[in-house]
Protein backbone atom coordinates (compact mmCIF):
# COMPACT_ATOMS: atom_id res chain seq x y z
CA UNK A 1 0.12 0.02 -0.11
CA UNK A 2 1.39 3.54 -0.98
CA UNK A 3 1.66 6.45 1.49
CA UNK A 4 -1.26 8.38 -0.48
CA UNK A 5 -3.40 5.24 -0.19
CA UNK A 6 -2.64 4.87 3.50
CA UNK A 7 -3.59 8.32 4.10
CA UNK A 8 -6.82 8.17 2.36
CA UNK A 9 -7.55 4.85 4.11
CA UNK A 10 -6.96 6.63 7.42
CA UNK A 11 -9.03 9.61 6.33
CA UNK A 12 -11.79 7.32 5.53
CA UNK A 13 -11.50 5.45 8.90
CA UNK A 14 -11.78 8.78 10.79
CA UNK A 15 -14.73 9.97 8.83
CA UNK A 16 -16.59 6.69 9.47
CA UNK A 17 -15.40 7.05 13.19
CA UNK A 18 -17.14 10.23 13.60
CA UNK A 19 -20.17 9.80 11.30
CA UNK A 20 -21.36 6.21 12.23
CA UNK A 21 -22.59 6.98 15.75
CA UNK A 22 -24.87 9.56 13.84
CA UNK A 23 -26.74 6.94 12.18
CA UNK A 24 -29.12 5.90 14.77
CA UNK A 25 -29.82 9.51 15.22
CA UNK A 26 -30.73 9.93 11.50
CA UNK A 27 -32.92 6.76 11.59
CA UNK A 28 -34.64 7.89 14.81
CA UNK A 29 -35.12 11.46 13.44
CA UNK A 30 -37.16 10.02 10.45
CA UNK A 31 -39.16 7.45 12.53
CA UNK A 32 -42.71 7.94 13.72
CA UNK A 33 -42.74 4.46 14.95
CA UNK A 34 -39.81 2.32 15.53
CA UNK A 35 -40.32 -0.69 18.33
CA UNK A 36 -38.46 -3.75 19.15
CA UNK A 37 -37.50 -6.14 17.47
CA UNK A 38 -37.70 -4.25 14.04
CA UNK A 39 -34.31 -3.48 12.74
CA UNK A 40 -35.65 -0.48 10.80
CA UNK A 41 -38.33 1.93 11.62
CA UNK A 42 -41.87 0.31 10.67
CA UNK A 43 -43.21 3.82 9.92
CA UNK A 44 -41.40 6.77 8.54
CA UNK A 45 -42.52 10.52 8.99
CA UNK A 46 -41.69 13.86 10.54
CA UNK A 47 -43.11 13.80 13.71
CA UNK A 48 -39.94 14.45 15.45
CA UNK A 49 -39.07 17.50 13.23
CA UNK A 50 -42.69 18.89 14.44
CA UNK A 51 -42.09 18.16 17.77
CA UNK A 52 -38.63 19.90 17.89
CA UNK A 53 -40.28 23.32 16.06
CA UNK A 54 -43.13 23.06 18.56
CA UNK A 55 -40.58 22.95 21.65
CA UNK A 56 -38.94 25.83 20.56
CA UNK A 57 -36.08 24.31 18.59
CA UNK A 58 -35.43 27.22 16.19
CA UNK A 59 -35.45 29.72 19.08
CA UNK A 60 -33.02 27.32 21.04
CA UNK A 61 -30.79 27.24 18.01
CA UNK A 62 -30.61 31.02 17.34
CA UNK A 63 -29.65 31.39 21.21
CA UNK A 64 -27.00 28.66 21.23
CA UNK A 65 -25.59 30.39 17.75
CA UNK A 66 -25.31 33.90 19.20
CA UNK A 67 -24.03 32.47 22.57
CA UNK A 68 -21.24 30.55 20.56
CA UNK A 69 -20.42 33.52 18.30
CA UNK A 70 -20.33 36.09 21.27
CA UNK A 71 -17.95 33.85 23.13
CA UNK A 72 -15.62 33.58 20.10
CA UNK A 73 -15.68 37.33 19.41
CA UNK A 74 -14.69 37.96 22.87
CA UNK A 75 -12.31 35.13 23.64
CA UNK A 76 -10.22 35.12 20.30
CA UNK A 77 -9.08 38.63 20.60
CA UNK A 78 -8.03 38.24 24.33
CA UNK A 79 -6.26 34.83 23.66
CA UNK A 80 -4.36 36.33 20.81
CA UNK A 81 -3.19 39.37 22.87
CA UNK A 82 -2.17 37.00 25.85
CA UNK A 83 -0.52 34.54 23.67
CA UNK A 84 1.41 37.30 21.83
CA UNK A 85 2.27 38.80 25.24
CA UNK A 86 3.59 35.29 26.56
CA UNK A 87 5.74 34.57 23.28
CA UNK A 88 7.42 37.76 23.27
CA UNK A 89 8.29 37.75 26.91
CA UNK A 90 6.22 40.88 27.90
CA UNK A 91 4.69 39.27 30.88
CA UNK A 92 6.36 38.84 34.17
CA UNK A 93 6.28 35.09 35.73
CA UNK A 94 5.15 33.52 32.74
CA UNK A 95 4.75 30.05 34.28
CA UNK A 96 2.46 31.60 36.74
CA UNK A 97 0.22 33.33 34.15
CA UNK A 98 -0.05 29.96 32.28
CA UNK A 99 -1.20 28.21 35.29
CA UNK A 100 -3.83 30.74 35.81
CA UNK A 101 -5.06 30.60 32.23
CA UNK A 102 -5.40 26.84 32.74
CA UNK A 103 -7.29 27.44 35.94
CA UNK A 104 -10.62 27.49 34.34
CA UNK A 105 -9.96 23.99 32.70
CA UNK A 106 -8.96 22.54 35.97
CA UNK A 107 -11.73 23.62 38.47
CA UNK A 108 -15.10 21.77 38.06
CA UNK A 109 -17.63 23.72 36.00
CA UNK A 110 -20.35 23.01 38.48
CA UNK A 111 -18.45 24.52 41.48
CA UNK A 112 -17.50 27.56 39.53
CA UNK A 113 -20.90 28.23 38.28
CA UNK A 114 -22.34 27.93 41.76
CA UNK A 115 -19.78 30.03 43.29
CA UNK A 116 -19.66 32.76 40.67
CA UNK A 117 -23.42 32.85 40.15
CA UNK A 118 -23.99 34.21 43.87
CA UNK A 119 -21.34 36.86 43.00
CA UNK A 120 -23.29 37.81 39.76
CA UNK A 121 -26.47 38.15 41.68
CA UNK A 122 -25.16 40.57 43.83
CA UNK A 123 -23.74 42.64 41.27
CA UNK A 124 -27.05 42.51 39.54
CA UNK A 125 -25.45 41.14 36.25
CA UNK A 126 -28.13 39.93 34.02
CA UNK A 127 -28.16 36.05 33.49
CA UNK A 128 -27.52 35.94 29.54
CA UNK A 129 -24.74 38.44 30.28
CA UNK A 130 -23.15 36.51 33.00
CA UNK A 131 -23.25 33.28 31.07
CA UNK A 132 -21.39 34.91 28.18
CA UNK A 133 -18.64 36.33 30.56
CA UNK A 134 -18.10 33.05 32.30
CA UNK A 135 -17.97 31.10 29.14
CA UNK A 136 -15.63 33.43 27.70
CA UNK A 137 -13.33 33.10 30.49
CA UNK A 138 -13.54 29.19 30.26
CA UNK A 139 -12.87 29.67 26.39
CA UNK A 140 -9.79 31.99 26.84
CA UNK A 141 -7.33 29.11 27.71
CA UNK A 142 -8.13 27.27 24.46
CA UNK A 143 -7.72 30.39 22.38
CA UNK A 144 -4.59 31.49 24.04
CA UNK A 145 -2.66 28.07 23.69
CA UNK A 146 -3.77 27.86 20.17
CA UNK A 147 -2.47 31.18 19.39
CA UNK A 148 0.65 30.68 21.35
CA UNK A 149 1.73 27.92 18.97
CA UNK A 150 0.88 30.22 16.07
CA UNK A 151 2.73 33.22 17.44
CA UNK A 152 5.77 31.08 18.26
CA UNK A 153 6.11 30.16 14.43
CA UNK A 154 5.39 33.51 13.19
CA UNK A 155 8.35 35.11 11.44
CA UNK A 156 8.12 38.89 12.46
CA UNK A 157 10.69 39.66 9.63
CA UNK A 158 7.94 39.64 7.03
CA UNK A 159 6.46 42.49 8.67
CA UNK A 160 9.78 44.54 8.32
CA UNK A 161 10.06 43.62 4.87
CA UNK A 162 6.46 44.93 4.20
CA UNK A 163 7.24 48.13 6.00
CA UNK A 164 10.48 48.48 3.86
CA UNK A 165 8.23 48.21 0.62
CA UNK A 166 6.20 51.02 2.05
CA UNK A 167 3.35 49.36 3.86
CA UNK A 168 1.83 51.24 6.78
CA UNK A 169 0.58 49.89 9.86
CA UNK A 170 -2.87 49.14 8.69
CA UNK A 171 -1.59 47.38 5.51
CA UNK A 172 0.81 45.22 7.57
CA UNK A 173 -1.90 44.01 9.65
CA UNK A 174 -4.50 43.40 6.88
CA UNK A 175 -2.42 41.88 4.32
CA UNK A 176 0.51 40.21 6.24
CA UNK A 177 -0.32 39.54 9.76
CA UNK A 178 -3.96 38.44 9.67
CA UNK A 179 -3.64 36.47 6.49
CA UNK A 180 -0.70 34.61 8.05
CA UNK A 181 -2.69 33.77 11.57
CA UNK A 182 -5.82 33.12 9.80
CA UNK A 183 -5.62 29.21 10.15
CA UNK A 184 -4.78 29.69 13.65
CA UNK A 185 -7.52 32.26 14.40
CA UNK A 186 -10.25 30.15 12.69
CA UNK A 187 -9.11 27.34 14.84
CA UNK A 188 -9.41 29.52 18.10
CA UNK A 189 -12.59 30.72 17.12
CA UNK A 190 -13.75 27.17 16.43
CA UNK A 191 -12.91 26.12 19.94
CA UNK A 192 -14.44 29.07 21.55
CA UNK A 193 -17.54 28.68 19.56
CA UNK A 194 -17.81 25.11 20.72
CA UNK A 195 -17.36 26.42 24.39
CA UNK A 196 -20.44 28.33 24.06
CA UNK A 197 -22.38 26.07 21.94
CA UNK A 198 -22.14 23.09 23.94
CA UNK A 199 -22.28 24.19 27.48
CA UNK A 200 -24.79 23.02 29.74
CA UNK A 201 -23.94 23.51 33.35
CA UNK A 202 -23.03 27.13 33.16
CA UNK A 203 -26.01 28.05 31.01
CA UNK A 204 -28.31 26.21 33.36
CA UNK A 205 -27.26 27.50 36.75
CA UNK A 206 -26.16 31.34 35.89
CA UNK A 207 -28.95 31.46 33.17
CA UNK A 208 -31.55 30.35 35.67
CA UNK A 209 -33.23 28.12 33.03
CA UNK A 210 -34.41 31.65 31.08
CA UNK A 211 -31.79 30.95 28.77
CA UNK A 212 -32.78 27.99 26.77
CA UNK A 213 -30.24 26.74 24.31
CA UNK A 214 -30.05 23.54 22.55
CA UNK A 215 -28.07 21.54 25.15
CA UNK A 216 -30.90 22.64 27.56
CA UNK A 217 -33.42 21.55 25.39
CA UNK A 218 -31.86 18.03 24.39
CA UNK A 219 -31.41 17.46 28.21
CA UNK A 220 -34.93 18.39 29.04
CA UNK A 221 -36.36 16.26 26.12
CA UNK A 222 -34.01 13.40 27.00
CA UNK A 223 -35.41 13.25 30.46
CA UNK A 224 -38.84 12.50 29.16
CA UNK A 225 -40.08 9.11 28.12
CA UNK A 226 -41.15 8.21 24.54
CA UNK A 227 -39.41 11.23 22.99
CA UNK A 228 -36.82 9.56 21.02
CA UNK A 229 -37.67 11.21 17.79
CA UNK A 230 -37.62 14.64 19.11
CA UNK A 231 -34.04 13.88 21.22
CA UNK A 232 -32.76 12.71 17.77
CA UNK A 233 -33.81 15.71 15.96
CA UNK A 234 -32.51 18.14 18.67
CA UNK A 235 -29.35 15.97 18.89
CA UNK A 236 -28.68 16.45 15.16
CA UNK A 237 -29.30 20.07 15.68
CA UNK A 238 -26.95 20.07 18.31
CA UNK A 239 -24.24 18.23 16.22
CA UNK A 240 -24.59 19.86 12.60
CA UNK A 241 -23.38 23.34 13.12
CA UNK A 242 -19.96 22.14 14.73
CA UNK A 243 -19.44 19.86 11.92
CA UNK A 244 -20.22 22.36 9.32
CA UNK A 245 -17.63 24.82 11.20
CA UNK A 246 -15.14 22.15 11.41
CA UNK A 247 -15.33 21.40 7.51
CA UNK A 248 -14.74 25.08 6.95
CA UNK A 249 -11.85 25.47 9.41
CA UNK A 250 -10.20 22.63 7.88
CA UNK A 251 -10.83 23.92 4.17
CA UNK A 252 -9.18 27.26 5.47
CA UNK A 253 -6.32 25.58 6.92
CA UNK A 254 -5.76 23.54 3.44
CA UNK A 255 -6.12 26.60 1.42
CA UNK A 256 -3.63 28.47 3.58
CA UNK A 257 -1.10 25.68 3.52
């Protein structure tokens, strides 16, 4: 087997590994009736889709999207600036700062959400804003360390050459720095979006049940009995946007390479 064939086989195995678990969800999403011991649904239909729409699936999808985008918009610039400062040695006690950046990943989300929920309530911070701020803090470690690798490999001499050729500060930023860091920025934004999109604990506790996102809707639907089609549709709705973004990020990285 050639190297190219081995790579294609490996990619096919990885794709199958990620997509095969979605097959039962696809079957359940299109099943109006599927009872044991039938291998396939006895009756096909869109009852699950109608139930998801009636349960507020579209609104929850919009809230999850806005939350994920908001976390990405806040966490990526913070992570990029922090990573640059760490790489260029502008931070005192860099190891201590690195430990502090990793602290949100080491602490249990449930304990952090309970503790900070009281502080946010006393500060009269609205629930949705509190959820956004806490999830941004949780996403900063991912964006920082993603951008730290990119800044470590970044050649600042290219910017000097651009300035020598007459490029101003804005041109250097838009035509040199951002294009060179675009793959890392897209990867950091994807990770930050996932933090906001997939969160359950912080959104439930700090949001007080008023900010109903897709994960909360999936959890409440899965707790009931006989809602298999509804849970399948909502689960697919929770999985589809990250998969689309993952493909887009991979395509961007491939194009830049």
